[in-house]
């Protein structure tokens, strides 16, 4: 049994395993402590006596304020740790970003689909995009009939060069104002999916009387000339059955046209990687997140692009990102989004500290500050090159921040719409997430979830703590895995067929 201290200034240590009350446990680099109560794995214990109202540090940063006096050896969690009003303002300034010198043996290419316009895809999908929720069922039937070889219809499975058919559905498109923030978000998201390089062909389906009309959407899509696009409405074809039949015909025709598309060797700089975490626990900031941060730094140094999102989950750690901004304008843009979220949550009658989920708390995370400090580790130490709003086109190259909610499907939807062609998702409690038409690679933070949910996990990062594996080595394993998946290796979520239901555009504005 042992406890881990992440920074010499920390007031707490993290349990690597569940530990019983009364145990005297060694603290790596800081002596030992006797536990005053049972301590679950991933949870925190006080290293010294703390007065009531004292600021508590982990990662060398403020994660909360004691609600009562805490003695050395006591479990530190929801019962005695809360959010200080001015925690973010009290946090220590971070260091400026740095760029790595690349190892001589680092892989610098992968096998991707080079599009005629120069962009590179990691997958080759036909998308069935809906203008409105009313056409979602038709789109799903078209995708199921053409991809899964259901009901005697020839499917795309086994067609060389085509990875599948995905229904790009959502829950809105009507009952909304045809202008304003909510409208702009929806149209930007749908157009972004249509333009994602992983879409090789597109069928657009509407009902026929919705606010988000087919003709209007088609005019704004901006899809590259080499991508075949067809559109129609259910009403003009005379109903569901005819609309499904028409969609199947169009998809099969596109499948024939795309058959034989081949991968070629391309530079790693063509990757646009979305960085996501979900079902986080006390190990997230120790293992998978910083290991992904190492991989992110390697990619950025090699000329690629990585995208950090989940604005509510950088709250309290935003100063660390702002200190790495490449210009004052980039730092100001990040802080402007933080202020927007503070106002937004207040208007909704909540606070950003409501973000940690019951699962996060069961895994040892107490406040949003603690969660955020672990979450930003996914972004490594590279300079912050740009800040973008939700679903905006992602500039290249470098580390980019996109303003997204913390809710995983909504966050990743924005990244895919912005042009991400690969997603890496870390989890400590377990996740069944996918993101077609973009592959998701899942990293486990601990051995327990990696074993219990082995079919959903691509890589176990727990050896960083359990075996003392250097973060740099685990980061290289993550990097190599990402290039393998970008080259066509199917991730666990792809093998399970996940990713068709996780397209969730951020909805803002009135429902009319």
Protein backbone atom coordinates (compact mmCIF):
# COMPACT_ATOMS: atom_id res chain seq x y z
CA UNK A 1 0.00 0.00 0.00
CA UNK A 2 1.18 3.51 -0.76
CA UNK A 3 0.04 7.09 -1.15
CA UNK A 4 1.05 9.43 -3.97
CA UNK A 5 1.86 13.12 -3.56
CA UNK A 6 1.68 15.02 -6.85
CA UNK A 7 3.46 18.19 -5.75
CA UNK A 8 5.68 18.98 -2.78
CA UNK A 9 3.33 21.78 -1.72
CA UNK A 10 0.25 19.49 -1.61
CA UNK A 11 -1.81 19.11 1.57
CA UNK A 12 -3.23 15.74 0.47
CA UNK A 13 -2.03 12.45 -0.97
CA UNK A 14 -3.93 9.99 -3.19
CA UNK A 15 -4.50 6.31 -2.33
CA UNK A 16 -3.28 3.86 -4.96
CA UNK A 17 -5.46 1.09 -3.43
CA UNK A 18 -8.25 0.85 -0.86
CA UNK A 19 -6.75 1.13 2.64
CA UNK A 20 -8.18 0.28 6.09
CA UNK A 21 -8.48 2.57 9.10
CA UNK A 22 -5.48 2.40 11.41
CA UNK A 23 -3.00 1.49 8.67
CA UNK A 24 0.29 3.35 8.67
CA UNK A 25 1.03 3.97 5.02
CA UNK A 26 4.11 5.20 3.26
CA UNK A 27 3.84 8.44 1.28
CA UNK A 28 6.12 8.44 -1.73
CA UNK A 29 8.74 11.06 -0.99
CA UNK A 30 7.02 12.34 2.18
CA UNK A 31 7.34 9.81 5.01
CA UNK A 32 4.21 8.08 6.24
CA UNK A 33 0.76 8.77 7.68
CA UNK A 34 -1.64 6.78 9.87
CA UNK A 35 -5.17 6.59 8.49
CA UNK A 36 -8.01 7.69 10.79
CA UNK A 37 -10.66 5.97 8.65
CA UNK A 38 -11.10 3.68 5.67
CA UNK A 39 -9.73 5.24 2.48
CA UNK A 40 -11.12 4.14 -0.93
CA UNK A 41 -8.78 3.84 -3.92
CA UNK A 42 -8.28 7.15 -5.73
CA UNK A 43 -9.42 9.21 -2.72
CA UNK A 44 -7.49 11.81 -0.75
CA UNK A 45 -6.02 11.82 2.77
CA UNK A 46 -4.72 14.82 4.72
CA UNK A 47 -0.93 14.85 5.16
CA UNK A 48 -1.02 17.42 7.96
CA UNK A 49 -3.50 19.07 10.30
CA UNK A 50 -5.60 21.69 8.50
CA UNK A 51 -7.58 24.42 10.22
CA UNK A 52 -11.21 25.06 9.36
CA UNK A 53 -11.41 27.34 6.32
CA UNK A 54 -7.91 26.47 5.12
CA UNK A 55 -7.17 26.31 1.42
CA UNK A 56 -6.28 22.77 0.31
CA UNK A 57 -3.81 22.05 -2.49
CA UNK A 58 -3.38 19.12 -4.89
CA UNK A 59 -1.25 19.26 -8.06
CA UNK A 60 0.29 22.27 -6.32
CA UNK A 61 -2.98 24.15 -6.94
CA UNK A 62 -6.03 25.06 -4.84
CA UNK A 63 -8.78 22.43 -5.06
CA UNK A 64 -11.02 23.66 -2.20
CA UNK A 65 -11.38 24.98 1.34
CA UNK A 66 -11.87 22.87 4.47
CA UNK A 67 -15.40 22.97 5.90
CA UNK A 68 -14.13 22.00 9.37
CA UNK A 69 -10.86 21.19 11.09
CA UNK A 70 -9.15 18.25 9.40
CA UNK A 71 -6.50 16.14 11.11
CA UNK A 72 -3.58 14.40 9.44
CA UNK A 73 -4.69 10.95 8.28
CA UNK A 74 -8.34 11.92 7.75
CA UNK A 75 -10.21 11.20 4.53
CA UNK A 76 -10.66 14.49 2.60
CA UNK A 77 -13.81 14.54 0.50
CA UNK A 78 -17.35 15.90 0.26
CA UNK A 79 -17.92 15.91 4.04
CA UNK A 80 -15.05 18.27 4.85
CA UNK A 81 -13.98 19.97 1.59
CA UNK A 82 -15.92 22.60 -0.33
CA UNK A 83 -15.52 25.27 -2.99
CA UNK A 84 -14.03 28.63 -1.93
CA UNK A 85 -15.65 31.59 -3.62
CA UNK A 86 -12.36 32.96 -4.92
CA UNK A 87 -10.45 29.75 -5.62
CA UNK A 88 -9.55 30.54 -9.19
CA UNK A 89 -8.24 33.97 -8.25
CA UNK A 90 -6.06 32.46 -5.51
CA UNK A 91 -4.50 29.79 -7.75
CA UNK A 92 -0.82 29.97 -8.55
CA UNK A 93 0.16 31.22 -11.98
CA UNK A 94 1.29 28.51 -14.36
CA UNK A 95 4.39 28.36 -16.51
CA UNK A 96 4.42 29.32 -20.16
CA UNK A 97 3.93 26.54 -22.67
CA UNK A 98 6.88 24.70 -24.15
CA UNK A 99 7.45 22.69 -27.30
CA UNK A 100 9.19 19.29 -27.17
CA UNK A 101 12.26 18.21 -29.05
CA UNK A 102 11.03 15.14 -30.90
CA UNK A 103 12.68 11.77 -30.22
CA UNK A 104 14.68 10.55 -33.21
CA UNK A 105 12.74 7.29 -33.39
CA UNK A 106 9.26 8.87 -33.25
CA UNK A 107 6.84 7.75 -35.97
CA UNK A 108 6.08 10.68 -38.24
CA UNK A 109 3.56 9.20 -40.69
CA UNK A 110 0.33 7.20 -40.77
CA UNK A 111 -1.90 5.64 -43.43
CA UNK A 112 -4.79 7.99 -44.25
CA UNK A 113 -7.20 8.86 -47.06
CA UNK A 114 -5.88 11.88 -48.96
CA UNK A 115 -8.86 13.84 -50.33
CA UNK A 116 -8.70 15.72 -53.66
CA UNK A 117 -8.76 19.05 -51.78
CA UNK A 118 -5.64 18.05 -49.81
CA UNK A 119 -7.30 17.21 -46.50
CA UNK A 120 -6.75 13.82 -44.87
CA UNK A 121 -9.35 11.45 -43.45
CA UNK A 122 -8.85 8.63 -40.98
CA UNK A 123 -12.10 6.94 -42.07
CA UNK A 124 -14.27 6.96 -45.20
CA UNK A 125 -17.97 7.15 -44.31
CA UNK A 126 -21.18 7.96 -46.11
CA UNK A 127 -23.24 10.29 -43.92
CA UNK A 128 -27.04 10.48 -43.80
CA UNK A 129 -27.64 13.96 -42.39
CA UNK A 130 -31.01 15.16 -41.08
CA UNK A 131 -32.30 18.71 -41.06
CA UNK A 132 -34.79 17.99 -38.28
CA UNK A 133 -35.63 15.39 -35.64
CA UNK A 134 -38.68 14.39 -37.72
CA UNK A 135 -36.44 12.77 -40.36
CA UNK A 136 -34.20 10.94 -37.85
CA UNK A 137 -36.01 7.60 -38.09
CA UNK A 138 -35.77 7.56 -41.86
CA UNK A 139 -32.06 8.36 -41.68
CA UNK A 140 -31.43 5.58 -39.17
CA UNK A 141 -33.35 3.07 -41.29
CA UNK A 142 -31.32 4.05 -44.35
CA UNK A 143 -28.06 3.61 -42.42
CA UNK A 144 -29.14 0.28 -40.92
CA UNK A 145 -30.34 -1.18 -44.22
CA UNK A 146 -27.25 -0.14 -46.14
CA UNK A 147 -24.58 -0.81 -43.54
CA UNK A 148 -25.78 -3.90 -41.68
CA UNK A 149 -27.07 -5.94 -44.65
CA UNK A 150 -30.49 -6.07 -42.96
CA UNK A 151 -33.68 -7.33 -44.54
CA UNK A 152 -31.90 -8.68 -47.60
CA UNK A 153 -30.48 -5.35 -48.76
CA UNK A 154 -26.84 -5.48 -49.76
CA UNK A 155 -24.71 -3.63 -47.19
CA UNK A 156 -21.39 -1.81 -47.38
CA UNK A 157 -19.66 -4.21 -44.98
CA UNK A 158 -16.76 -5.73 -46.83
CA UNK A 159 -16.63 -3.02 -49.49
CA UNK A 160 -12.97 -2.10 -49.71
CA UNK A 161 -12.25 1.54 -49.00
CA UNK A 162 -15.63 2.29 -47.34
CA UNK A 163 -15.87 2.15 -43.54
CA UNK A 164 -19.62 2.42 -43.16
CA UNK A 165 -22.78 4.50 -43.21
CA UNK A 166 -23.65 6.77 -40.30
CA UNK A 167 -26.95 8.50 -39.55
CA UNK A 168 -26.14 12.06 -38.48
CA UNK A 169 -29.29 12.80 -36.52
CA UNK A 170 -30.22 15.28 -33.79
CA UNK A 171 -33.15 16.34 -31.64
CA UNK A 172 -34.05 19.75 -33.03
CA UNK A 173 -34.38 21.65 -36.34
CA UNK A 174 -37.91 22.95 -35.81
CA UNK A 175 -39.78 24.72 -33.03
CA UNK A 176 -36.92 27.21 -32.90
CA UNK A 177 -36.15 30.74 -34.06
CA UNK A 178 -34.49 30.95 -37.47
CA UNK A 179 -31.88 33.32 -36.11
CA UNK A 180 -29.86 33.85 -32.96
CA UNK A 181 -27.30 31.83 -31.01
CA UNK A 182 -29.20 28.53 -31.01
CA UNK A 183 -29.80 28.68 -34.76
CA UNK A 184 -26.18 29.54 -35.49
CA UNK A 185 -24.93 26.65 -33.33
CA UNK A 186 -27.16 24.10 -35.05
CA UNK A 187 -26.36 25.19 -38.59
CA UNK A 188 -22.63 25.41 -37.83
CA UNK A 189 -22.66 21.93 -36.31
CA UNK A 190 -24.55 20.27 -39.17
CA UNK A 191 -22.40 21.96 -41.81
CA UNK A 192 -19.28 20.98 -39.87
CA UNK A 193 -20.25 17.30 -39.91
CA UNK A 194 -20.98 17.50 -43.63
CA UNK A 195 -17.51 19.00 -44.23
CA UNK A 196 -15.58 16.67 -41.93
CA UNK A 197 -12.89 14.94 -44.03
CA UNK A 198 -14.11 11.52 -42.83
CA UNK A 199 -17.34 12.02 -44.81
CA UNK A 200 -16.83 10.73 -48.36
CA UNK A 201 -20.46 11.00 -49.47
CA UNK A 202 -23.57 12.69 -48.06
CA UNK A 203 -27.35 12.25 -48.22
CA UNK A 204 -29.42 15.05 -46.63
CA UNK A 205 -32.98 14.21 -45.54
CA UNK A 206 -35.65 16.59 -44.31
CA UNK A 207 -39.34 16.30 -43.51
CA UNK A 208 -40.40 19.25 -45.70
CA UNK A 209 -42.02 21.81 -43.42
CA UNK A 210 -39.34 22.41 -40.77
CA UNK A 211 -37.68 25.70 -39.87
CA UNK A 212 -34.27 24.27 -40.83
CA UNK A 213 -35.19 23.62 -44.46
CA UNK A 214 -33.27 21.33 -46.76
CA UNK A 215 -32.79 24.09 -49.33
CA UNK A 216 -31.50 26.51 -46.73
CA UNK A 217 -29.11 24.00 -45.19
CA UNK A 218 -27.82 22.86 -48.57
CA UNK A 219 -26.99 26.46 -49.47
CA UNK A 220 -24.79 26.79 -46.38
CA UNK A 221 -23.09 23.38 -46.30
CA UNK A 222 -19.96 24.34 -48.21
CA UNK A 223 -19.07 20.70 -48.91
CA UNK A 224 -15.98 20.10 -51.07
CA UNK A 225 -16.64 19.53 -54.77
CA UNK A 226 -15.32 15.97 -54.71
CA UNK A 227 -17.95 14.84 -52.16
CA UNK A 228 -21.16 13.49 -53.77
CA UNK A 229 -24.22 15.07 -52.12
CA UNK A 230 -27.95 14.34 -52.62
CA UNK A 231 -30.97 15.68 -50.75
CA UNK A 232 -34.75 15.25 -50.56
CA UNK A 233 -37.70 15.56 -48.19
CA UNK A 234 -40.00 12.85 -46.88
CA UNK A 235 -43.10 14.83 -47.80
CA UNK A 236 -42.14 15.25 -51.45
CA UNK A 237 -41.51 11.51 -51.81
CA UNK A 238 -44.85 10.60 -50.28
CA UNK A 239 -43.91 9.22 -46.86
CA UNK A 240 -41.56 7.11 -44.81
CA UNK A 241 -41.34 3.98 -46.95
CA UNK A 242 -40.58 5.85 -50.17
CA UNK A 243 -38.08 8.08 -48.36
CA UNK A 244 -36.22 5.08 -46.92
CA UNK A 245 -36.12 3.40 -50.33
CA UNK A 246 -34.75 6.55 -51.95
CA UNK A 247 -32.06 6.90 -49.28
CA UNK A 248 -30.98 3.29 -49.72
CA UNK A 249 -30.67 3.77 -53.48
CA UNK A 250 -28.55 6.90 -53.06
CA UNK A 251 -26.25 5.36 -50.45
CA UNK A 252 -25.70 2.21 -52.52
CA UNK A 253 -24.81 4.37 -55.52
CA UNK A 254 -22.31 6.35 -53.44
CA UNK A 255 -20.88 3.14 -52.03
CA UNK A 256 -20.17 1.95 -55.55
CA UNK A 257 -18.47 5.25 -56.38
CA UNK A 258 -16.30 5.19 -53.24
CA UNK A 259 -15.35 1.51 -53.43
CA UNK A 260 -11.63 1.02 -53.81
CA UNK A 261 -10.59 4.26 -52.11
CA UNK A 262 -7.09 3.55 -50.81
CA UNK A 263 -5.00 4.76 -47.90
CA UNK A 264 -1.63 6.34 -48.55
CA UNK A 265 1.25 7.37 -46.31
CA UNK A 266 0.69 10.89 -44.94
CA UNK A 267 2.44 13.12 -42.46
CA UNK A 268 1.35 12.99 -38.82
CA UNK A 269 0.74 16.74 -39.14
CA UNK A 270 -2.56 15.84 -40.86
CA UNK A 271 -4.07 14.64 -37.56
CA UNK A 272 -6.60 16.80 -35.72
CA UNK A 273 -7.07 15.07 -32.36
CA UNK A 274 -9.91 15.86 -29.95
CA UNK A 275 -8.95 15.43 -26.27
CA UNK A 276 -11.87 14.24 -24.12
CA UNK A 277 -12.40 12.74 -20.67
CA UNK A 278 -15.53 11.23 -19.14
CA UNK A 279 -16.35 9.20 -16.07
CA UNK A 280 -13.26 10.68 -14.42
CA UNK A 281 -11.88 9.50 -11.10
CA UNK A 282 -9.06 10.22 -8.69
CA UNK A 283 -6.62 8.43 -10.99
CA UNK A 284 -7.46 10.49 -14.09
CA UNK A 285 -4.98 13.22 -13.24
CA UNK A 286 -2.30 10.67 -12.33
CA UNK A 287 -2.29 8.28 -15.28
CA UNK A 288 -4.38 8.54 -18.47
CA UNK A 289 -4.77 12.32 -18.64
CA UNK A 290 -1.08 13.22 -18.27
CA UNK A 291 -0.13 10.30 -20.55
CA UNK A 292 -2.48 11.72 -23.20
CA UNK A 293 -0.84 15.08 -22.49
CA UNK A 294 2.53 13.60 -23.43
CA UNK A 295 1.05 12.25 -26.68
CA UNK A 296 -0.59 15.63 -27.36
CA UNK A 297 2.75 17.41 -26.92
CA UNK A 298 4.44 14.97 -29.31
CA UNK A 299 1.74 15.51 -31.92
CA UNK A 300 1.90 19.29 -31.65
CA UNK A 301 5.69 19.25 -31.87
CA UNK A 302 5.35 17.12 -35.02
CA UNK A 303 3.06 19.71 -36.63
CA UNK A 304 -0.34 18.19 -35.80
CA UNK A 305 -3.32 19.78 -34.06
CA UNK A 306 -4.89 18.82 -30.73
CA UNK A 307 -8.13 20.24 -29.34
CA UNK A 308 -9.02 20.64 -25.66
CA UNK A 309 -12.65 21.39 -24.78
CA UNK A 310 -15.10 21.07 -21.87
CA UNK A 311 -14.95 24.65 -20.57
CA UNK A 312 -16.73 23.82 -17.28
CA UNK A 313 -13.96 21.28 -16.66
CA UNK A 314 -11.09 23.73 -17.00
CA UNK A 315 -12.74 26.12 -14.53
CA UNK A 316 -10.24 26.88 -11.78
CA UNK A 317 -7.37 25.76 -13.99
CA UNK A 318 -7.89 28.30 -16.77
CA UNK A 319 -4.94 30.35 -15.49
CA UNK A 320 -2.62 27.46 -16.37
CA UNK A 321 -3.84 27.54 -19.98
CA UNK A 322 -3.90 31.34 -20.20
CA UNK A 323 -0.26 31.48 -19.07
CA UNK A 324 0.60 29.28 -22.07
CA UNK A 325 -1.26 31.42 -24.61
CA UNK A 326 0.77 32.52 -27.61
CA UNK A 327 -0.67 36.05 -27.42
CA UNK A 328 -2.67 38.25 -25.05
CA UNK A 329 -5.60 37.99 -27.46
CA UNK A 330 -5.68 34.19 -27.11
CA UNK A 331 -5.58 34.44 -23.30
CA UNK A 332 -8.35 37.06 -23.33
CA UNK A 333 -10.52 34.89 -25.57
CA UNK A 334 -10.20 31.98 -23.12
CA UNK A 335 -11.07 34.13 -20.11
CA UNK A 336 -14.06 35.57 -21.98
CA UNK A 337 -15.50 32.09 -22.37
CA UNK A 338 -14.95 31.39 -18.66
CA UNK A 339 -16.88 34.56 -17.78
CA UNK A 340 -19.66 33.55 -20.18
CA UNK A 341 -20.02 30.23 -18.36
CA UNK A 342 -20.10 31.90 -14.95
CA UNK A 343 -22.98 34.10 -16.13
CA UNK A 344 -24.72 31.23 -17.93
CA UNK A 345 -24.71 28.92 -14.90
CA UNK A 346 -25.87 31.69 -12.57
CA UNK A 347 -28.75 32.42 -14.95
CA UNK A 348 -29.72 28.75 -14.80
CA UNK A 349 -29.71 28.75 -11.00
CA UNK A 350 -26.61 26.59 -10.58
CA UNK A 351 -22.82 26.87 -10.30
CA UNK A 352 -19.88 25.35 -12.12
CA UNK A 353 -19.16 23.24 -9.03
CA UNK A 354 -22.31 21.27 -9.93
CA UNK A 355 -20.28 19.70 -12.76
CA UNK A 356 -18.63 16.76 -10.91
CA UNK A 357 -21.02 13.82 -11.31
CA UNK A 358 -21.89 11.24 -8.64
CA UNK A 359 -19.51 8.88 -10.40
CA UNK A 360 -16.71 11.46 -10.29
CA UNK A 361 -17.24 11.88 -6.56
CA UNK A 362 -17.38 8.15 -5.92
CA UNK A 363 -14.02 7.94 -7.70
CA UNK A 364 -12.43 10.47 -5.35
CA UNK A 365 -13.00 13.85 -7.06
CA UNK A 366 -14.51 16.42 -4.69
CA UNK A 367 -14.70 19.84 -6.38
CA UNK A 368 -14.67 21.16 -9.92
CA UNK A 369 -11.26 22.70 -9.19
CA UNK A 370 -9.79 19.27 -8.50
CA UNK A 371 -11.49 17.81 -11.57
CA UNK A 372 -10.28 20.65 -13.78
CA UNK A 373 -6.66 20.39 -12.66
CA UNK A 374 -6.69 16.73 -13.67
CA UNK A 375 -8.59 17.41 -16.88
CA UNK A 376 -6.19 20.03 -18.29
CA UNK A 377 -3.37 17.49 -18.01
CA UNK A 378 -4.75 16.05 -21.30
CA UNK A 379 -3.35 19.12 -23.05
CA UNK A 380 0.24 18.54 -21.95
CA UNK A 381 2.50 21.59 -21.88
CA UNK A 382 2.30 22.94 -25.43
CA UNK A 383 1.58 26.63 -26.05
CA UNK A 384 -2.11 27.49 -26.49
CA UNK A 385 -2.35 28.69 -30.09
CA UNK A 386 -6.04 29.56 -30.49
CA UNK A 387 -9.50 29.64 -28.88
CA UNK A 388 -12.60 28.76 -30.88
CA UNK A 389 -16.31 28.77 -30.12
CA UNK A 390 -18.40 25.62 -30.35
CA UNK A 391 -18.22 23.78 -33.71
CA UNK A 392 -16.12 26.49 -35.33
CA UNK A 393 -13.48 25.34 -37.79
CA UNK A 394 -10.33 24.29 -35.95
CA UNK A 395 -7.22 26.21 -37.05
CA UNK A 396 -4.01 24.30 -37.63
CA UNK A 397 -1.45 23.47 -36.31
CA UNK A 398 -0.95 23.58 -32.52
CA UNK A 399 -2.95 23.20 -29.32
CA UNK A 400 -6.44 24.74 -29.69
CA UNK A 401 -9.13 25.29 -27.08
CA UNK A 402 -12.78 24.89 -28.16
CA UNK A 403 -15.58 26.16 -25.95
CA UNK A 404 -17.79 23.12 -25.31
CA UNK A 405 -19.92 21.86 -22.41
CA UNK A 406 -18.48 19.10 -20.24
CA UNK A 407 -21.18 16.63 -21.33
CA UNK A 408 -19.21 14.17 -23.44
CA UNK A 409 -21.52 13.71 -26.48
CA UNK A 410 -22.09 17.46 -26.82
CA UNK A 411 -18.40 18.25 -26.42
CA UNK A 412 -17.15 15.73 -28.97
CA UNK A 413 -19.92 16.71 -31.41
CA UNK A 414 -18.46 20.22 -31.44
CA UNK A 415 -14.94 18.89 -32.06
CA UNK A 416 -16.03 16.64 -34.93
CA UNK A 417 -17.98 19.53 -36.45
CA UNK A 418 -14.82 21.63 -36.15
CA UNK A 419 -12.85 19.11 -38.20
CA UNK A 420 -11.34 16.61 -35.74
CA UNK A 421 -10.50 13.34 -37.51
CA UNK A 422 -9.57 11.40 -34.34
CA UNK A 423 -10.80 11.43 -30.72
CA UNK A 424 -9.00 10.18 -27.60
CA UNK A 425 -11.20 9.65 -24.55
CA UNK A 426 -9.90 8.93 -21.03
CA UNK A 427 -12.13 7.31 -18.39
CA UNK A 428 -11.81 6.14 -14.81
CA UNK A 429 -15.34 4.96 -14.09
CA UNK A 430 -15.92 3.42 -17.52
CA UNK A 431 -17.34 4.68 -20.81
CA UNK A 432 -19.27 3.25 -23.77
CA UNK A 433 -18.73 6.28 -25.98
CA UNK A 434 -18.17 6.35 -29.74
CA UNK A 435 -18.09 9.17 -32.29
CA UNK A 436 -18.69 7.97 -35.86
CA UNK A 437 -17.64 9.04 -38.45
CA UNK A 438 -14.52 9.74 -36.36
CA UNK A 439 -12.86 6.89 -34.41
CA UNK A 440 -12.64 7.15 -30.61
CA UNK A 441 -9.69 5.65 -28.73
CA UNK A 442 -10.41 5.01 -25.04
CA UNK A 443 -7.79 5.03 -22.27
CA UNK A 444 -8.47 3.58 -18.81
CA UNK A 445 -7.05 5.41 -15.81
CA UNK A 446 -7.01 2.33 -13.54
CA UNK A 447 -6.62 -1.43 -13.84
CA UNK A 448 -10.02 -2.18 -12.28
CA UNK A 449 -12.06 -0.48 -15.00
CA UNK A 450 -9.65 -1.73 -17.68
CA UNK A 451 -10.38 -5.28 -16.53
CA UNK A 452 -14.12 -4.99 -15.89
CA UNK A 453 -14.78 -3.16 -19.17
CA UNK A 454 -12.00 -4.71 -21.24
CA UNK A 455 -14.16 -4.80 -24.38
CA UNK A 456 -14.57 -1.01 -24.28
CA UNK A 457 -10.98 -0.02 -23.46
CA UNK A 458 -8.11 0.36 -25.92
CA UNK A 459 -5.26 0.96 -23.46
CA UNK A 460 -4.77 0.61 -19.68
CA UNK A 461 -2.70 3.52 -18.33
CA UNK A 462 -2.61 2.30 -14.71
CA UNK A 463 1.01 1.03 -14.92
CA UNK A 464 2.06 4.66 -14.43
CA UNK A 465 1.05 4.30 -10.78
CA UNK A 466 0.95 0.55 -10.21
CA UNK A 467 4.29 -0.27 -11.84
CA UNK A 468 6.03 3.09 -11.78
CA UNK A 469 6.09 3.25 -15.60
CA UNK A 470 7.39 6.70 -16.64
CA UNK A 471 4.71 8.99 -18.05
CA UNK A 472 6.90 9.59 -21.08
CA UNK A 473 6.84 5.88 -21.93
CA UNK A 474 3.08 5.59 -21.46
CA UNK A 475 2.65 8.72 -23.56
CA UNK A 476 4.61 7.09 -26.36
CA UNK A 477 2.31 4.05 -26.16
CA UNK A 478 -0.70 6.36 -26.48
CA UNK A 479 0.92 8.17 -29.41
CA UNK A 480 1.62 4.93 -31.28
CA UNK A 481 -1.90 3.63 -30.60
CA UNK A 482 -3.41 6.83 -31.99
CA UNK A 483 -1.41 6.49 -35.20
CA UNK A 484 -2.41 2.82 -35.50
CA UNK A 485 -6.11 3.70 -35.21
CA UNK A 486 -5.73 6.66 -37.58
CA UNK A 487 -4.23 4.18 -40.05
CA UNK A 488 -7.29 1.94 -39.97
CA UNK A 489 -7.00 -0.26 -36.89
CA UNK A 490 -10.50 -0.46 -35.44
CA UNK A 491 -10.84 0.90 -31.92
CA UNK A 492 -12.87 -0.88 -29.25
CA UNK A 493 -15.82 1.45 -29.75
CA UNK A 494 -15.77 0.75 -33.49
CA UNK A 495 -15.71 -2.99 -32.94
CA UNK A 496 -18.81 -2.60 -30.76
CA UNK A 497 -20.61 -0.42 -33.32
CA UNK A 498 -20.76 2.59 -30.99
CA UNK A 499 -20.98 6.18 -32.16
CA UNK A 500 -24.27 6.46 -34.02
CA UNK A 501 -26.30 7.82 -31.10
CA UNK A 502 -23.72 10.21 -29.62
CA UNK A 503 -24.20 13.06 -32.09
CA UNK A 504 -25.68 15.72 -29.78
CA UNK A 505 -25.43 19.37 -30.94
CA UNK A 506 -25.35 21.92 -28.12
CA UNK A 507 -28.84 23.42 -27.85
CA UNK A 508 -29.19 27.04 -26.81
CA UNK A 509 -32.09 29.41 -27.29
CA UNK A 510 -35.85 29.22 -27.02
CA UNK A 511 -37.90 26.15 -27.91
CA UNK A 512 -40.98 27.58 -29.59
